[in-house]
Amino acid sequence: MFGLDRQVYYRSIKRYENSQTKASKVIKLVEDIRVKMPKLGGRKLYFLLKGTLRSLKIGRDKFFDILRANHLLIIPKRSYHITTNSHHRFRKHKNLILDYSINKSNQVWVADITYIGNRKKPSYLSLITDAYSKKIVGYYVADNLNTESSLVALRKALKNNNIEKEPLIHHSDRGLQYCSNEYQRILKKYQLKCSMTQNSDPYENAVAERVNGILKQEFDIDKYDIETSLRRKIVNEAIGIYNELRPHFSNHYLTPNQMHQQKKIKMKTYKNKNQSKR
């Protein structure tokens, strides 16, 4: 065989076939996970599959090589729509969490509104997220930016969570919805301290911005041209999967629900612009 030893030749063929078989198994494993989490990134896939990959004798680099060769790496796409109207007559509150130490769930909630519709059928998702666990504790999808939509999300968060005697901080931007009398009345009723960003820098509400991005980029909640009622069902399913199944890097790869139910692990923090310049 052109000077090549027969045994060497057949061993090389067998190695290639074994490699292809392993790659096929990895692709199937990834596709099974992405049925529910269609754009879950490589690092989190590797964490979820680490045990199985170890038995296949596939390391991290080889795993990423397989993803890359089969066009399974995810390239993040970012879009930005302004949903904050901070030019209003209502009182704006100080930022209480700039140097605040967060070490357990239900200590700080972050609120935000993100655009998930299109020009013909606009939809807006109001979110309340626990800053420690990254668990979405309250949400609502509406076809407008009325204060009532944000109130529905807040009431859902208050109903579904046991708030301890220690005051809980509610952090948001300075949007009209959060500064309104109705919203502030509910915060006061449940003794939630009100905290707000001091300018339009999204890094002041980094947790909320990150969760918005995950729902849009990984779950495609803003992709379809559909009615608001159907979009609510898509968002409901996506948030259920996000809270229960998706490992979070800032949670040391625990899911939001797992992180929310314990108090021992120290949370990772997001860099802000000032930190990145040091």
Protein backbone atom coordinates (compact mmCIF):
# COMPACT_ATOMS: atom_id res chain seq x y z
CA MET A 1 0.00 0.00 0.00
CA PHE A 2 2.42 2.62 -1.32
CA GLY A 3 5.03 1.72 1.32
CA LEU A 4 2.53 2.05 4.23
CA ASP A 5 2.35 -0.87 6.66
CA ARG A 6 -1.05 -2.64 6.39
CA GLN A 7 -1.59 -2.67 10.17
CA VAL A 8 -0.78 1.04 10.46
CA TYR A 9 -3.17 1.77 7.60
CA TYR A 10 -6.09 -0.13 9.17
CA ARG A 11 -5.37 1.31 12.63
CA SER A 12 -5.56 4.82 11.18
CA ILE A 13 -8.90 3.97 9.53
CA LYS A 14 -10.23 2.56 12.81
CA ARG A 15 -9.11 5.67 14.73
CA TYR A 16 -10.86 7.87 12.19
CA GLU A 17 -14.08 5.81 12.41
CA ASN A 18 -13.98 5.89 16.23
CA SER A 19 -13.45 9.64 16.12
CA GLN A 20 -16.42 10.08 13.78
CA THR A 21 -18.60 7.87 16.00
CA LYS A 22 -17.70 9.93 19.08
CA ALA A 23 -18.38 13.17 17.22
CA SER A 24 -21.79 11.87 16.16
CA LYS A 25 -22.62 10.99 19.77
CA VAL A 26 -21.56 14.45 20.92
CA ILE A 27 -23.68 16.14 18.25
CA LYS A 28 -26.71 14.07 19.32
CA LEU A 29 -26.17 15.02 22.98
CA VAL A 30 -25.92 18.70 22.09
CA GLU A 31 -29.01 18.56 19.88
CA ASP A 32 -31.01 16.88 22.67
CA ILE A 33 -30.17 19.72 25.08
CA ARG A 34 -30.85 22.39 22.49
CA VAL A 35 -34.38 21.15 21.92
CA LYS A 36 -35.26 23.11 25.08
CA MET A 37 -32.36 25.58 25.15
CA PRO A 38 -31.74 26.22 21.44
CA LYS A 39 -28.82 28.63 21.79
CA LEU A 40 -27.10 27.45 24.94
CA GLY A 41 -23.40 28.31 24.70
CA GLY A 42 -20.45 25.93 24.55
CA ARG A 43 -19.18 26.42 28.12
CA LYS A 44 -22.56 25.57 29.64
CA LEU A 45 -23.02 22.63 27.27
CA TYR A 46 -19.64 21.31 28.35
CA PHE A 47 -20.61 21.65 32.03
CA LEU A 48 -23.87 19.74 31.51
CA LEU A 49 -22.18 16.99 29.45
CA LYS A 50 -18.89 16.77 31.36
CA GLY A 51 -19.59 13.32 32.84
CA THR A 52 -20.65 11.79 29.53
CA LEU A 53 -17.76 13.43 27.67
CA ARG A 54 -15.32 12.03 30.22
CA SER A 55 -16.58 8.51 29.54
CA LEU A 56 -16.08 9.16 25.81
CA LYS A 57 -12.56 10.45 26.57
CA ILE A 58 -13.37 13.83 25.07
CA GLY A 59 -11.83 16.87 26.73
CA ARG A 60 -12.87 20.51 26.59
CA ASP A 61 -10.73 21.42 23.57
CA LYS A 62 -11.89 18.41 21.57
CA PHE A 63 -15.50 19.17 22.48
CA PHE A 64 -15.18 22.72 21.14
CA ASP A 65 -13.43 21.39 18.02
CA ILE A 66 -16.47 19.17 17.35
CA LEU A 67 -18.87 22.09 17.90
CA ARG A 68 -16.81 24.32 15.60
CA ALA A 69 -16.49 21.70 12.84
CA ASN A 70 -20.25 21.14 12.85
CA HIS A 71 -21.20 24.85 13.02
CA LEU A 72 -22.70 24.44 16.49
CA LEU A 73 -20.94 27.36 18.18
CA ILE A 74 -23.25 30.25 19.03
CA ILE A 75 -22.35 33.77 17.90
CA PRO A 76 -24.09 36.30 20.19
CA LYS A 77 -26.20 38.97 18.52
CA ARG A 78 -27.13 42.14 20.35
CA SER A 79 -29.93 44.59 19.70
CA TYR A 80 -30.99 47.55 21.80
CA HIS A 81 -34.34 49.31 22.10
CA ILE A 82 -34.94 52.17 24.52
CA THR A 83 -37.88 51.44 26.83
CA THR A 84 -37.00 53.89 29.60
CA ASN A 85 -38.70 57.26 29.89
CA SER A 86 -36.90 59.07 32.71
CA HIS A 87 -38.20 62.55 31.78
CA HIS A 88 -41.14 62.78 34.14
CA ARG A 89 -42.34 64.63 37.24
CA PHE A 90 -42.03 61.73 39.70
CA ARG A 91 -39.33 61.39 42.33
CA LYS A 92 -36.16 59.52 41.34
CA HIS A 93 -34.38 57.49 44.03
CA LYS A 94 -30.68 56.98 44.80
CA ASN A 95 -28.67 53.91 43.81
CA LEU A 96 -28.44 51.83 47.00
CA ILE A 97 -26.54 48.85 45.60
CA LEU A 98 -23.35 50.39 44.15
CA ASP A 99 -21.18 49.08 47.01
CA TYR A 100 -23.76 46.75 48.51
CA SER A 101 -22.78 43.17 49.44
CA ILE A 102 -25.32 40.64 48.15
CA ASN A 103 -24.96 37.20 49.75
CA LYS A 104 -28.38 35.53 49.58
CA SER A 105 -31.60 35.38 47.62
CA ASN A 106 -34.47 37.82 48.21
CA GLN A 107 -32.02 40.50 49.30
CA VAL A 108 -32.03 42.55 46.08
CA TRP A 109 -34.48 42.33 43.19
CA VAL A 110 -33.72 44.04 39.90
CA ALA A 111 -36.54 45.20 37.64
CA ASP A 112 -36.47 46.01 33.95
CA ILE A 113 -38.62 46.21 30.83
CA THR A 114 -37.38 44.83 27.53
CA TYR A 115 -38.83 45.10 24.03
CA ILE A 116 -39.72 41.73 22.47
CA GLY A 117 -42.12 42.60 19.66
CA ASN A 118 -41.98 44.36 16.32
CA ARG A 119 -43.48 47.50 14.80
CA LYS A 120 -46.69 45.78 13.76
CA LYS A 121 -47.16 43.84 16.99
CA PRO A 122 -45.19 45.48 19.82
CA SER A 123 -44.70 43.52 23.03
CA TYR A 124 -42.89 44.42 26.22
CA LEU A 125 -41.63 42.04 28.91
CA SER A 126 -41.54 43.32 32.49
CA LEU A 127 -39.11 41.31 34.61
CA ILE A 128 -38.24 41.05 38.30
CA THR A 129 -35.02 39.09 38.82
CA ASP A 130 -33.29 38.09 42.03
CA ALA A 131 -29.82 39.66 41.90
CA TYR A 132 -28.16 36.85 43.89
CA SER A 133 -29.56 33.76 42.16
CA LYS A 134 -30.49 35.31 38.78
CA LYS A 135 -33.89 33.64 39.17
CA ILE A 136 -36.76 35.42 37.44
CA VAL A 137 -39.27 35.80 40.29
CA GLY A 138 -41.90 37.85 38.49
CA TYR A 139 -42.75 38.74 34.90
CA TYR A 140 -45.51 39.88 32.56
CA VAL A 141 -45.85 40.41 28.80
CA ALA A 142 -47.96 43.32 27.54
CA ASP A 143 -48.53 45.19 24.30
CA ASN A 144 -47.85 48.56 25.96
CA LEU A 145 -45.56 50.30 28.45
CA ASN A 146 -48.25 51.11 31.00
CA THR A 147 -47.39 51.03 34.69
CA GLU A 148 -49.93 48.26 35.27
CA SER A 149 -47.78 45.76 33.33
CA SER A 150 -44.85 46.35 35.67
CA LEU A 151 -47.18 46.13 38.65
CA VAL A 152 -48.39 42.68 37.53
CA ALA A 153 -44.78 41.45 37.43
CA LEU A 154 -44.10 42.92 40.89
CA ARG A 155 -47.26 41.42 42.42
CA LYS A 156 -46.34 38.02 41.00
CA ALA A 157 -42.86 38.28 42.57
CA LEU A 158 -44.32 39.27 45.94
CA LYS A 159 -46.88 36.46 45.84
CA ASN A 160 -44.39 33.71 44.95
CA ASN A 161 -41.59 34.59 47.37
CA ASN A 162 -41.19 34.52 51.13
CA ILE A 163 -39.70 37.89 52.02
CA GLU A 164 -37.79 37.91 55.30
CA LYS A 165 -38.00 40.67 57.88
CA GLU A 166 -34.74 42.17 56.59
CA PRO A 167 -35.68 44.89 54.08
CA LEU A 168 -35.49 43.82 50.46
CA ILE A 169 -34.07 46.32 47.95
CA HIS A 170 -35.92 46.84 44.66
CA HIS A 171 -33.48 48.18 42.04
CA SER A 172 -34.48 49.54 38.62
CA ASP A 173 -33.82 52.30 36.13
CA ARG A 174 -35.56 55.66 36.54
CA GLY A 175 -38.40 54.84 34.22
CA LEU A 176 -41.84 56.32 34.64
CA GLN A 177 -43.35 52.94 35.56
CA TYR A 178 -41.09 52.47 38.60
CA CYS A 179 -41.30 56.08 39.78
CA SER A 180 -45.10 56.24 39.51
CA ASN A 181 -47.25 56.70 42.60
CA GLU A 182 -48.96 53.33 42.10
CA TYR A 183 -45.69 51.42 41.93
CA GLN A 184 -44.12 53.26 44.85
CA ARG A 185 -47.25 52.59 46.92
CA ILE A 186 -46.80 48.83 46.50
CA LEU A 187 -43.09 49.02 47.39
CA LYS A 188 -43.94 50.97 50.53
CA LYS A 189 -46.76 48.59 51.48
CA TYR A 190 -44.39 45.60 51.44
CA GLN A 191 -41.50 47.62 52.95
CA LEU A 192 -39.23 47.26 49.92
CA LYS A 193 -36.43 49.84 49.71
CA CYS A 194 -36.35 51.63 46.38
CA SER A 195 -33.04 51.92 44.51
CA MET A 196 -32.51 53.35 41.03
CA THR A 197 -29.71 53.83 38.50
CA GLN A 198 -28.24 57.31 38.49
CA ASN A 199 -27.77 57.62 34.72
CA SER A 200 -28.48 55.72 31.51
CA ASP A 201 -25.48 53.41 31.90
CA PRO A 202 -26.83 49.80 31.55
CA TYR A 203 -23.95 48.54 33.73
CA GLU A 204 -25.78 50.03 36.73
CA ASN A 205 -28.43 47.36 36.17
CA ALA A 206 -26.14 44.68 34.74
CA VAL A 207 -28.03 41.66 36.10
CA ALA A 208 -31.29 42.75 34.47
CA GLU A 209 -29.53 43.51 31.17
CA ARG A 210 -27.83 40.11 31.21
CA VAL A 211 -31.06 38.19 31.85
CA ASN A 212 -32.80 40.15 29.08
CA GLY A 213 -30.02 39.14 26.71
CA ILE A 214 -30.23 35.45 27.65
CA LEU A 215 -33.97 35.26 27.02
CA LYS A 216 -33.63 36.99 23.65
CA GLN A 217 -30.41 35.45 22.36
CA GLU A 218 -30.81 31.89 23.65
CA PHE A 219 -34.59 31.42 23.69
CA ASP A 220 -35.62 33.64 20.74
CA ILE A 221 -38.56 35.14 22.64
CA ASP A 222 -38.51 38.20 20.36
CA LYS A 223 -38.10 36.35 17.07
CA TYR A 224 -41.63 35.55 15.94
CA ASP A 225 -44.34 37.74 14.42
CA ILE A 226 -47.13 36.65 16.73
CA GLU A 227 -49.93 38.00 18.89
CA THR A 228 -49.18 39.01 22.48
CA SER A 229 -51.29 36.16 23.90
CA LEU A 230 -49.13 33.56 22.13
CA ARG A 231 -45.92 35.39 23.00
CA ARG A 232 -46.92 35.13 26.66
CA LYS A 233 -46.98 31.33 26.33
CA ILE A 234 -43.53 31.31 24.67
CA VAL A 235 -42.10 33.58 27.40
CA ASN A 236 -43.69 31.46 30.14
CA GLU A 237 -42.08 28.29 28.76
CA ALA A 238 -38.71 29.99 28.23
CA ILE A 239 -38.59 31.37 31.78
CA GLY A 240 -39.53 27.97 33.22
CA ILE A 241 -36.62 26.33 31.36
CA TYR A 242 -34.27 29.22 32.25
CA ASN A 243 -35.03 29.00 35.98
CA GLU A 244 -35.04 25.21 36.22
CA LEU A 245 -32.53 23.87 33.67
CA ARG A 246 -30.06 26.49 32.44
CA PRO A 247 -26.72 26.58 34.32
CA HIS A 248 -25.54 30.12 35.03
CA PHE A 249 -21.84 31.04 34.91
CA SER A 250 -22.27 33.66 37.64
CA ASN A 251 -23.95 30.96 39.79
CA HIS A 252 -20.90 28.69 39.51
CA TYR A 253 -22.94 26.73 36.94
CA LEU A 254 -25.91 26.16 39.25
CA THR A 255 -29.33 26.85 37.77
CA PRO A 256 -31.16 29.93 39.11
CA ASN A 257 -33.52 27.70 41.12
CA GLN A 258 -30.61 25.78 42.68
CA MET A 259 -28.78 29.00 43.55
CA HIS A 260 -31.96 30.52 44.98
CA GLN A 261 -32.50 27.65 47.41
CA GLN A 262 -29.12 27.88 49.19
CA LYS A 263 -27.15 30.57 51.04
CA LYS A 264 -23.55 29.31 51.19
CA ILE A 265 -22.16 30.16 47.75
CA LYS A 266 -20.71 33.59 47.11
CA MET A 267 -22.16 35.18 43.99
CA LYS A 268 -19.98 36.33 41.13
CA THR A 269 -20.35 39.96 40.12
CA TYR A 270 -20.46 41.54 36.69
CA LYS A 271 -17.74 44.00 35.73
CA ASN A 272 -18.83 47.58 35.28
CA LYS A 273 -17.20 50.12 33.00
CA ASN A 274 -15.19 51.71 35.78
CA GLN A 275 -13.78 48.35 36.87
CA SER A 276 -12.76 47.44 33.33
CA LYS A 277 -10.71 50.66 33.04
CA ARG A 278 -8.67 50.04 36.19
